[in-house]
N, C-alpha and C. Protein backbone atom coordinates (compact mmCIF):
# COMPACT_ATOMS: atom_id res chain seq x y z
N MET A 1 0.91 -1.12 -0.05
CA MET A 1 -0.05 0.03 0.14
C MET A 1 0.83 1.11 0.02
N VAL A 2 0.44 2.23 -0.82
CA VAL A 2 1.32 3.48 -0.96
C VAL A 2 0.90 4.20 0.21
N LYS A 3 2.08 4.85 0.89
CA LYS A 3 1.91 5.68 2.01
C LYS A 3 1.02 7.00 1.68
N GLY A 4 0.12 7.15 2.59
CA GLY A 4 -0.93 8.35 2.36
C GLY A 4 -2.10 8.11 1.53
N GLN A 5 -2.09 6.88 1.11
CA GLN A 5 -3.33 6.51 0.05
C GLN A 5 -4.57 6.60 0.79
N GLN A 6 -4.68 6.29 1.99
CA GLN A 6 -5.91 6.25 2.70
C GLN A 6 -6.45 7.76 3.08
N GLU A 7 -5.38 8.51 3.47
CA GLU A 7 -5.76 9.89 3.67
C GLU A 7 -6.16 10.58 2.38
N PHE A 8 -5.43 10.23 1.47
CA PHE A 8 -5.95 10.81 -0.07
C PHE A 8 -7.32 10.40 -0.31
N ARG A 9 -7.54 9.20 -0.19
CA ARG A 9 -9.03 8.78 -0.52
C ARG A 9 -10.04 9.35 0.38
N GLN A 10 -9.77 9.63 1.63
CA GLN A 10 -10.58 10.29 2.68
C GLN A 10 -10.73 11.67 2.17
N PHE A 11 -9.81 12.31 1.83
CA PHE A 11 -9.73 13.74 1.32
C PHE A 11 -10.63 13.81 0.06
N MET A 12 -10.50 12.87 -0.92
CA MET A 12 -11.25 12.99 -2.17
C MET A 12 -12.75 12.71 -2.04
N ARG A 13 -13.13 11.96 -0.79
CA ARG A 13 -14.46 11.64 -0.52
C ARG A 13 -15.13 12.55 0.21
N LYS A 14 -14.55 13.21 1.20
CA LYS A 14 -15.08 14.27 1.99
C LYS A 14 -14.79 15.58 1.85
N THR A 15 -13.50 16.12 1.89
CA THR A 15 -13.07 17.44 1.80
C THR A 15 -13.44 18.06 0.51
N LEU A 16 -13.05 17.36 -0.72
CA LEU A 16 -13.35 17.94 -1.83
C LEU A 16 -14.77 18.10 -2.40
N PRO A 17 -15.63 17.01 -2.16
CA PRO A 17 -16.77 17.23 -2.58
C PRO A 17 -17.55 18.36 -1.66
N ASP A 18 -17.32 18.53 -0.40
CA ASP A 18 -17.99 19.51 0.42
C ASP A 18 -17.56 20.89 -0.03
N ALA A 19 -16.39 21.12 -0.13
CA ALA A 19 -15.68 22.30 -0.57
C ALA A 19 -16.20 22.72 -1.97
N VAL A 20 -16.35 21.91 -2.85
CA VAL A 20 -16.83 22.11 -4.25
C VAL A 20 -18.34 22.32 -4.08
N LYS A 21 -19.09 21.60 -3.39
CA LYS A 21 -20.52 21.79 -3.22
C LYS A 21 -20.85 23.08 -2.65
N ASN A 22 -20.13 23.58 -1.55
CA ASN A 22 -20.19 24.92 -1.05
C ASN A 22 -20.05 25.93 -1.99
N ALA A 23 -19.03 25.90 -2.75
CA ALA A 23 -18.56 26.89 -3.78
C ALA A 23 -19.81 26.93 -4.79
N ALA A 24 -20.19 25.86 -5.27
CA ALA A 24 -21.25 25.74 -6.24
C ALA A 24 -22.45 26.37 -5.69
N ARG A 25 -22.90 26.09 -4.52
CA ARG A 25 -24.24 26.69 -3.80
C ARG A 25 -23.94 28.01 -3.68
N GLN A 26 -22.89 28.66 -3.22
CA GLN A 26 -22.76 30.06 -3.19
C GLN A 26 -22.89 30.73 -4.49
N ALA A 27 -22.24 30.33 -5.42
CA ALA A 27 -22.27 30.80 -6.87
C ALA A 27 -23.56 30.67 -7.47
N MET A 28 -24.44 29.54 -7.26
CA MET A 28 -25.81 29.36 -7.74
C MET A 28 -26.76 30.51 -6.98
N GLU A 29 -26.60 30.71 -5.83
CA GLU A 29 -27.27 31.61 -5.03
C GLU A 29 -27.01 33.14 -5.54
N GLU A 30 -25.77 33.31 -5.75
CA GLU A 30 -25.37 34.73 -6.20
C GLU A 30 -25.98 35.00 -7.58
N GLY A 31 -25.83 33.99 -8.32
CA GLY A 31 -26.36 33.94 -9.78
C GLY A 31 -27.77 34.18 -9.81
N ALA A 32 -28.58 33.42 -8.96
CA ALA A 32 -30.08 33.53 -9.00
C ALA A 32 -30.43 34.93 -8.53
N GLU A 33 -29.77 35.42 -7.56
CA GLU A 33 -30.06 36.79 -6.98
C GLU A 33 -29.91 37.79 -8.11
N ARG A 34 -28.70 37.63 -8.84
CA ARG A 34 -28.47 38.53 -9.79
C ARG A 34 -29.65 38.53 -10.94
N ILE A 35 -30.06 37.32 -11.45
CA ILE A 35 -31.16 37.22 -12.25
C ILE A 35 -32.30 37.72 -11.87
N VAL A 36 -32.71 37.54 -10.45
CA VAL A 36 -33.99 38.07 -9.99
C VAL A 36 -33.91 39.63 -9.87
N GLN A 37 -32.80 40.28 -9.60
CA GLN A 37 -32.68 41.59 -9.35
C GLN A 37 -33.02 42.25 -10.89
N ARG A 38 -32.37 41.68 -11.89
CA ARG A 38 -32.52 42.29 -13.20
C ARG A 38 -34.04 42.12 -13.70
N MET A 39 -34.53 40.90 -13.28
CA MET A 39 -35.86 40.68 -13.58
C MET A 39 -36.80 41.94 -12.87
N ARG A 40 -36.48 42.17 -11.85
CA ARG A 40 -37.39 43.08 -11.01
C ARG A 40 -37.25 44.50 -11.50
N MET A 41 -36.10 44.76 -12.21
CA MET A 41 -35.96 46.15 -12.88
C MET A 41 -36.84 46.23 -14.08
N LEU A 42 -37.11 45.12 -14.67
CA LEU A 42 -37.85 45.22 -15.99
C LEU A 42 -39.36 45.01 -15.81
N VAL A 43 -39.77 44.47 -14.66
CA VAL A 43 -41.29 44.37 -14.47
C VAL A 43 -41.99 45.76 -14.48
N PRO A 44 -43.03 45.80 -14.98
CA PRO A 44 -43.84 47.12 -14.89
C PRO A 44 -43.92 47.65 -13.63
N LYS A 45 -43.66 48.79 -13.22
CA LYS A 45 -43.63 49.41 -11.89
C LYS A 45 -44.98 49.50 -11.17
N ASP A 46 -46.13 49.43 -12.12
CA ASP A 46 -47.46 49.37 -11.53
C ASP A 46 -47.91 48.04 -11.06
N GLU A 47 -47.01 47.11 -11.42
CA GLU A 47 -47.35 45.77 -10.82
C GLU A 47 -46.48 45.31 -9.60
N GLY A 48 -46.99 45.92 -8.62
CA GLY A 48 -46.33 45.71 -7.22
C GLY A 48 -46.39 44.38 -6.73
N GLU A 49 -47.55 43.82 -6.85
CA GLU A 49 -47.65 42.33 -6.27
C GLU A 49 -46.80 41.37 -7.07
N LEU A 50 -46.72 41.67 -8.48
CA LEU A 50 -45.92 40.64 -9.30
C LEU A 50 -44.30 41.05 -9.00
N LEU A 51 -44.02 42.38 -8.89
CA LEU A 51 -42.58 42.61 -8.63
C LEU A 51 -42.25 41.90 -7.26
N ALA A 52 -43.08 41.98 -6.31
CA ALA A 52 -42.65 41.37 -5.10
C ALA A 52 -42.56 39.78 -5.17
N SER A 53 -43.35 39.21 -6.07
CA SER A 53 -43.50 37.78 -6.15
C SER A 53 -42.28 37.09 -6.98
N ILE A 54 -41.45 37.98 -7.56
CA ILE A 54 -40.30 37.45 -8.37
C ILE A 54 -39.14 36.99 -7.34
N GLY A 55 -38.72 35.71 -7.33
CA GLY A 55 -37.80 35.24 -6.48
C GLY A 55 -37.21 34.07 -6.97
N TRP A 56 -36.43 33.27 -6.09
CA TRP A 56 -35.65 32.08 -6.13
C TRP A 56 -35.73 31.16 -4.93
N THR A 57 -35.68 29.99 -5.08
CA THR A 57 -35.66 28.99 -4.18
C THR A 57 -34.95 27.79 -4.30
N TRP A 58 -34.44 27.14 -3.38
CA TRP A 58 -33.85 25.68 -3.48
C TRP A 58 -35.27 24.76 -3.54
N GLY A 59 -35.29 24.05 -4.66
CA GLY A 59 -36.40 23.07 -4.80
C GLY A 59 -37.66 23.57 -5.47
N LYS A 60 -38.79 23.56 -4.95
CA LYS A 60 -39.89 23.82 -5.48
C LYS A 60 -40.29 25.19 -5.37
N PRO A 61 -41.00 25.85 -6.35
CA PRO A 61 -41.43 27.27 -6.01
C PRO A 61 -42.80 27.12 -5.13
N PRO A 62 -43.06 28.38 -4.76
CA PRO A 62 -44.26 28.58 -3.96
C PRO A 62 -45.46 28.15 -4.71
N GLU A 63 -46.74 27.93 -3.92
CA GLU A 63 -47.83 27.36 -4.71
C GLU A 63 -48.41 28.61 -5.41
N GLY A 64 -48.83 28.28 -6.64
CA GLY A 64 -49.34 29.18 -7.56
C GLY A 64 -48.32 29.98 -8.45
N ALA A 65 -46.89 29.71 -8.14
CA ALA A 65 -45.89 30.38 -8.89
C ALA A 65 -45.76 29.94 -10.31
N MET A 66 -45.06 30.55 -11.20
CA MET A 66 -44.92 29.96 -12.45
C MET A 66 -43.30 29.86 -12.60
N GLU A 67 -43.02 28.61 -12.49
CA GLU A 67 -41.56 28.28 -12.76
C GLU A 67 -40.99 28.43 -14.05
N ILE A 68 -40.13 29.37 -14.22
CA ILE A 68 -39.72 29.62 -15.52
C ILE A 68 -38.26 29.21 -15.84
N GLY A 69 -37.48 29.23 -14.85
CA GLY A 69 -36.03 28.83 -15.23
C GLY A 69 -35.53 28.24 -13.90
N ASP A 70 -34.44 27.39 -14.20
CA ASP A 70 -33.81 26.77 -12.94
C ASP A 70 -32.32 26.67 -13.36
N LEU A 71 -31.45 26.61 -12.27
CA LEU A 71 -29.90 26.34 -12.31
C LEU A 71 -29.87 25.08 -11.77
N LYS A 72 -29.32 24.14 -12.41
CA LYS A 72 -28.99 22.75 -11.84
C LYS A 72 -27.61 22.46 -11.98
N SER A 73 -27.24 21.56 -10.94
CA SER A 73 -25.85 20.99 -10.89
C SER A 73 -26.29 19.59 -10.37
N PRO A 74 -26.78 18.68 -11.45
CA PRO A 74 -27.24 17.41 -11.12
C PRO A 74 -26.29 16.49 -10.37
N GLU A 75 -24.93 16.68 -10.81
CA GLU A 75 -24.01 15.96 -10.20
C GLU A 75 -23.67 16.19 -8.68
N ARG A 76 -24.04 17.13 -8.35
CA ARG A 76 -24.03 17.66 -6.86
C ARG A 76 -25.56 17.76 -6.14
N GLY A 77 -26.44 17.34 -7.00
CA GLY A 77 -27.76 17.51 -6.36
C GLY A 77 -28.37 18.74 -5.88
N LEU A 78 -27.81 19.81 -6.56
CA LEU A 78 -28.21 21.15 -6.39
C LEU A 78 -29.14 21.50 -7.34
N ARG A 79 -30.42 22.39 -6.95
CA ARG A 79 -31.23 22.87 -8.01
C ARG A 79 -31.91 24.09 -7.33
N ILE A 80 -31.72 25.12 -8.05
CA ILE A 80 -32.29 26.59 -7.64
C ILE A 80 -33.42 26.89 -8.78
N VAL A 81 -34.58 27.18 -8.40
CA VAL A 81 -35.61 27.55 -9.25
C VAL A 81 -36.05 29.02 -9.21
N ILE A 82 -36.07 29.62 -10.26
CA ILE A 82 -36.34 31.18 -10.51
C ILE A 82 -37.73 31.13 -10.77
N TYR A 83 -38.62 31.93 -10.13
CA TYR A 83 -40.24 32.06 -10.39
C TYR A 83 -40.60 33.32 -10.31
N ALA A 84 -41.93 33.46 -10.73
CA ALA A 84 -42.49 34.78 -10.67
C ALA A 84 -43.97 34.38 -10.45
N GLY A 85 -44.59 35.26 -9.65
CA GLY A 85 -46.20 34.89 -9.43
C GLY A 85 -46.36 34.13 -8.13
N ASN A 86 -47.59 34.30 -7.72
CA ASN A 86 -48.20 33.26 -6.64
C ASN A 86 -49.65 33.62 -6.64
N SER A 87 -50.27 33.18 -5.60
CA SER A 87 -51.65 33.18 -5.52
C SER A 87 -52.20 34.59 -5.51
N THR A 88 -51.32 35.55 -5.09
CA THR A 88 -52.10 36.86 -5.08
C THR A 88 -51.84 37.67 -6.35
N THR A 89 -51.06 37.02 -7.43
CA THR A 89 -50.83 37.67 -8.67
C THR A 89 -51.88 36.93 -9.85
N MET A 90 -52.77 36.23 -9.36
CA MET A 90 -53.71 35.56 -10.27
C MET A 90 -54.84 36.64 -10.55
N VAL A 91 -55.16 36.62 -11.99
CA VAL A 91 -56.17 37.45 -12.43
C VAL A 91 -57.34 36.75 -13.09
N THR A 92 -58.55 37.25 -13.05
CA THR A 92 -59.69 36.59 -13.65
C THR A 92 -60.15 37.32 -14.96
N ASN A 93 -60.29 36.70 -16.03
CA ASN A 93 -60.73 37.38 -17.20
C ASN A 93 -62.28 37.45 -17.16
N LYS A 94 -62.90 38.08 -18.31
CA LYS A 94 -64.38 38.34 -18.37
C LYS A 94 -65.25 37.02 -18.12
N ARG A 95 -64.62 35.93 -18.63
CA ARG A 95 -65.26 34.59 -18.55
C ARG A 95 -65.13 34.03 -17.31
N GLY A 96 -64.48 34.59 -16.35
CA GLY A 96 -64.14 33.83 -15.08
C GLY A 96 -63.08 32.98 -14.88
N ILE A 97 -62.15 33.04 -16.09
CA ILE A 97 -61.26 32.00 -16.16
C ILE A 97 -59.83 32.72 -15.45
N LYS A 98 -59.12 31.96 -14.53
CA LYS A 98 -58.19 32.54 -13.86
C LYS A 98 -56.72 32.47 -14.53
N PHE A 99 -55.88 33.31 -14.68
CA PHE A 99 -54.66 33.36 -15.30
C PHE A 99 -53.61 33.88 -14.35
N GLN A 100 -52.40 33.49 -14.57
CA GLN A 100 -51.21 34.06 -13.67
C GLN A 100 -50.80 35.34 -14.41
N ASN A 101 -50.85 36.46 -13.78
CA ASN A 101 -50.46 37.80 -14.36
C ASN A 101 -49.00 37.70 -14.70
N ALA A 102 -48.24 37.03 -14.26
CA ALA A 102 -46.79 36.86 -14.81
C ALA A 102 -46.73 36.47 -16.11
N LEU A 103 -47.56 35.49 -16.54
CA LEU A 103 -47.82 34.96 -17.87
C LEU A 103 -48.11 36.09 -18.90
N ILE A 104 -49.16 36.60 -18.38
CA ILE A 104 -49.68 37.77 -19.18
C ILE A 104 -48.87 38.93 -19.44
N GLN A 105 -48.25 39.13 -18.35
CA GLN A 105 -46.94 40.21 -18.58
C GLN A 105 -46.00 39.87 -19.64
N GLU A 106 -45.54 38.66 -19.25
CA GLU A 106 -44.42 38.19 -20.17
C GLU A 106 -44.85 37.97 -21.64
N PHE A 107 -45.93 37.35 -21.97
CA PHE A 107 -46.30 37.10 -23.31
C PHE A 107 -47.32 37.95 -23.94
N GLY A 108 -48.10 38.77 -23.16
CA GLY A 108 -49.23 39.51 -23.66
C GLY A 108 -50.41 38.62 -23.85
N THR A 109 -51.53 39.52 -24.47
CA THR A 109 -52.76 38.74 -24.79
C THR A 109 -53.06 39.36 -26.13
N LYS A 110 -54.20 39.01 -26.73
CA LYS A 110 -54.53 39.72 -27.93
C LYS A 110 -54.99 41.31 -27.76
N ASP A 111 -55.28 41.48 -26.54
CA ASP A 111 -55.78 42.92 -26.09
C ASP A 111 -54.67 43.70 -25.24
N ARG A 112 -53.51 42.87 -24.86
CA ARG A 112 -52.79 43.59 -24.09
C ARG A 112 -51.29 43.35 -24.60
N LYS A 113 -50.46 44.35 -24.73
CA LYS A 113 -49.13 44.12 -25.25
C LYS A 113 -48.19 43.49 -24.06
N ALA A 114 -47.38 42.74 -24.65
CA ALA A 114 -46.48 41.86 -23.95
C ALA A 114 -45.29 43.04 -23.27
N ASN A 115 -45.00 42.62 -21.93
CA ASN A 115 -43.87 43.46 -21.22
C ASN A 115 -42.90 42.39 -20.71
N PRO A 116 -42.06 41.93 -21.53
CA PRO A 116 -41.27 40.79 -21.17
C PRO A 116 -40.15 41.09 -20.19
N PHE A 117 -40.10 40.47 -19.15
CA PHE A 117 -39.33 40.64 -18.08
C PHE A 117 -38.49 39.52 -17.61
N PHE A 118 -38.97 38.26 -17.93
CA PHE A 118 -38.28 37.05 -17.25
C PHE A 118 -37.67 36.33 -18.21
N TYR A 119 -38.04 35.82 -19.40
CA TYR A 119 -37.19 35.04 -20.32
C TYR A 119 -35.83 35.80 -20.84
N THR A 120 -36.13 37.18 -21.22
CA THR A 120 -35.15 38.01 -21.64
C THR A 120 -33.97 38.04 -20.58
N VAL A 121 -34.21 38.19 -19.45
CA VAL A 121 -33.32 38.37 -18.40
C VAL A 121 -32.44 37.02 -18.28
N TYR A 122 -33.34 35.98 -18.10
CA TYR A 122 -32.97 34.48 -17.85
C TYR A 122 -32.03 34.15 -19.03
N ARG A 123 -32.47 34.38 -20.32
CA ARG A 123 -31.70 33.95 -21.42
C ARG A 123 -30.40 34.76 -21.36
N SER A 124 -30.36 35.95 -21.25
CA SER A 124 -29.16 36.86 -21.29
C SER A 124 -28.14 36.58 -20.14
N GLN A 125 -28.68 35.94 -19.02
CA GLN A 125 -27.73 35.99 -17.88
C GLN A 125 -27.26 34.34 -17.73
N ARG A 126 -28.02 33.45 -18.47
CA ARG A 126 -27.82 32.11 -18.16
C ARG A 126 -26.45 31.78 -18.32
N ARG A 127 -25.79 32.03 -19.41
CA ARG A 127 -24.39 31.83 -19.70
C ARG A 127 -23.36 32.35 -18.71
N ALA A 128 -23.56 33.60 -18.33
CA ALA A 128 -22.86 34.27 -17.28
C ALA A 128 -22.85 33.66 -15.91
N VAL A 129 -23.92 33.14 -15.62
CA VAL A 129 -24.12 32.53 -14.24
C VAL A 129 -23.50 30.99 -14.31
N LYS A 130 -23.69 30.40 -15.43
CA LYS A 130 -23.00 29.14 -15.51
C LYS A 130 -21.48 29.27 -15.45
N SER A 131 -20.95 30.24 -16.20
CA SER A 131 -19.54 30.59 -16.00
C SER A 131 -19.09 30.99 -14.65
N LEU A 132 -19.81 31.78 -13.94
CA LEU A 132 -19.50 32.07 -12.47
C LEU A 132 -19.45 30.63 -11.59
N ILE A 133 -20.44 29.78 -11.95
CA ILE A 133 -20.46 28.62 -10.93
C ILE A 133 -19.06 27.84 -11.32
N THR A 134 -18.91 27.72 -12.55
CA THR A 134 -17.66 26.94 -12.90
C THR A 134 -16.45 27.45 -12.49
N ARG A 135 -16.25 28.97 -12.45
CA ARG A 135 -15.03 29.48 -11.97
C ARG A 135 -14.98 29.28 -10.42
N ARG A 136 -16.12 29.35 -9.66
CA ARG A 136 -16.02 29.31 -8.30
C ARG A 136 -15.66 27.73 -8.00
N ILE A 137 -16.18 26.77 -8.69
CA ILE A 137 -15.83 25.42 -8.35
C ILE A 137 -14.37 25.13 -8.68
N ASN A 138 -13.88 25.64 -9.85
CA ASN A 138 -12.46 25.69 -10.14
C ASN A 138 -11.46 26.30 -8.96
N LYS A 139 -12.02 27.46 -8.66
CA LYS A 139 -11.31 28.16 -7.56
C LYS A 139 -11.24 27.34 -6.25
N ALA A 140 -12.24 26.47 -5.77
CA ALA A 140 -12.25 25.67 -4.68
C ALA A 140 -11.43 24.68 -4.78
N ILE A 141 -11.39 24.04 -5.91
CA ILE A 141 -10.41 22.84 -6.29
C ILE A 141 -8.98 23.31 -6.18
N LYS A 142 -8.79 24.45 -6.67
CA LYS A 142 -7.40 25.02 -6.65
C LYS A 142 -6.87 25.28 -5.18
N ALA A 143 -7.96 25.94 -4.49
CA ALA A 143 -7.54 26.20 -3.20
C ALA A 143 -7.30 24.88 -2.47
N LEU A 144 -8.01 23.85 -2.56
CA LEU A 144 -7.74 22.51 -1.96
C LEU A 144 -6.34 22.02 -2.22
N ASN A 145 -6.10 22.16 -3.64
CA ASN A 145 -4.98 21.63 -3.97
C ASN A 145 -3.55 22.24 -3.65
N ASP A 146 -3.79 23.54 -3.40
CA ASP A 146 -2.67 24.35 -2.87
C ASP A 146 -2.40 24.32 -1.57
N GLY A 147 -3.49 23.83 -0.61
CA GLY A 147 -3.47 23.77 0.77
C GLY A 147 -2.81 22.39 1.12
């Protein structure tokens, strides 16, 4: 048996994954917050409840929310969901059918112009956030190797 092999295996099983997972988690949270803040800047200002409903969470979004995008790290079991809308942002049309106001704002209707605030930001920031996550993971691995 090579000297230090057992310590190296223990390091690879415990230290490296925890450090990398923590770095990925922090980067994902930072990226999600960055996306949410930009979305809030684009939502129509007269839509206060919708503005307040935009957010992110680990796992599933709140009841009634529209899940539009997520940041995943399946190999680490991490998933952040970015959402808009909740039960307070539901609207009813003339026929009594309920709709999520976030969808109406994002895509519009035949009588209402679209005010895209969600997909445009998500698409424009997705690559930058993935890059941030990768950089943070690489930095964590490098810090472990240097230590």
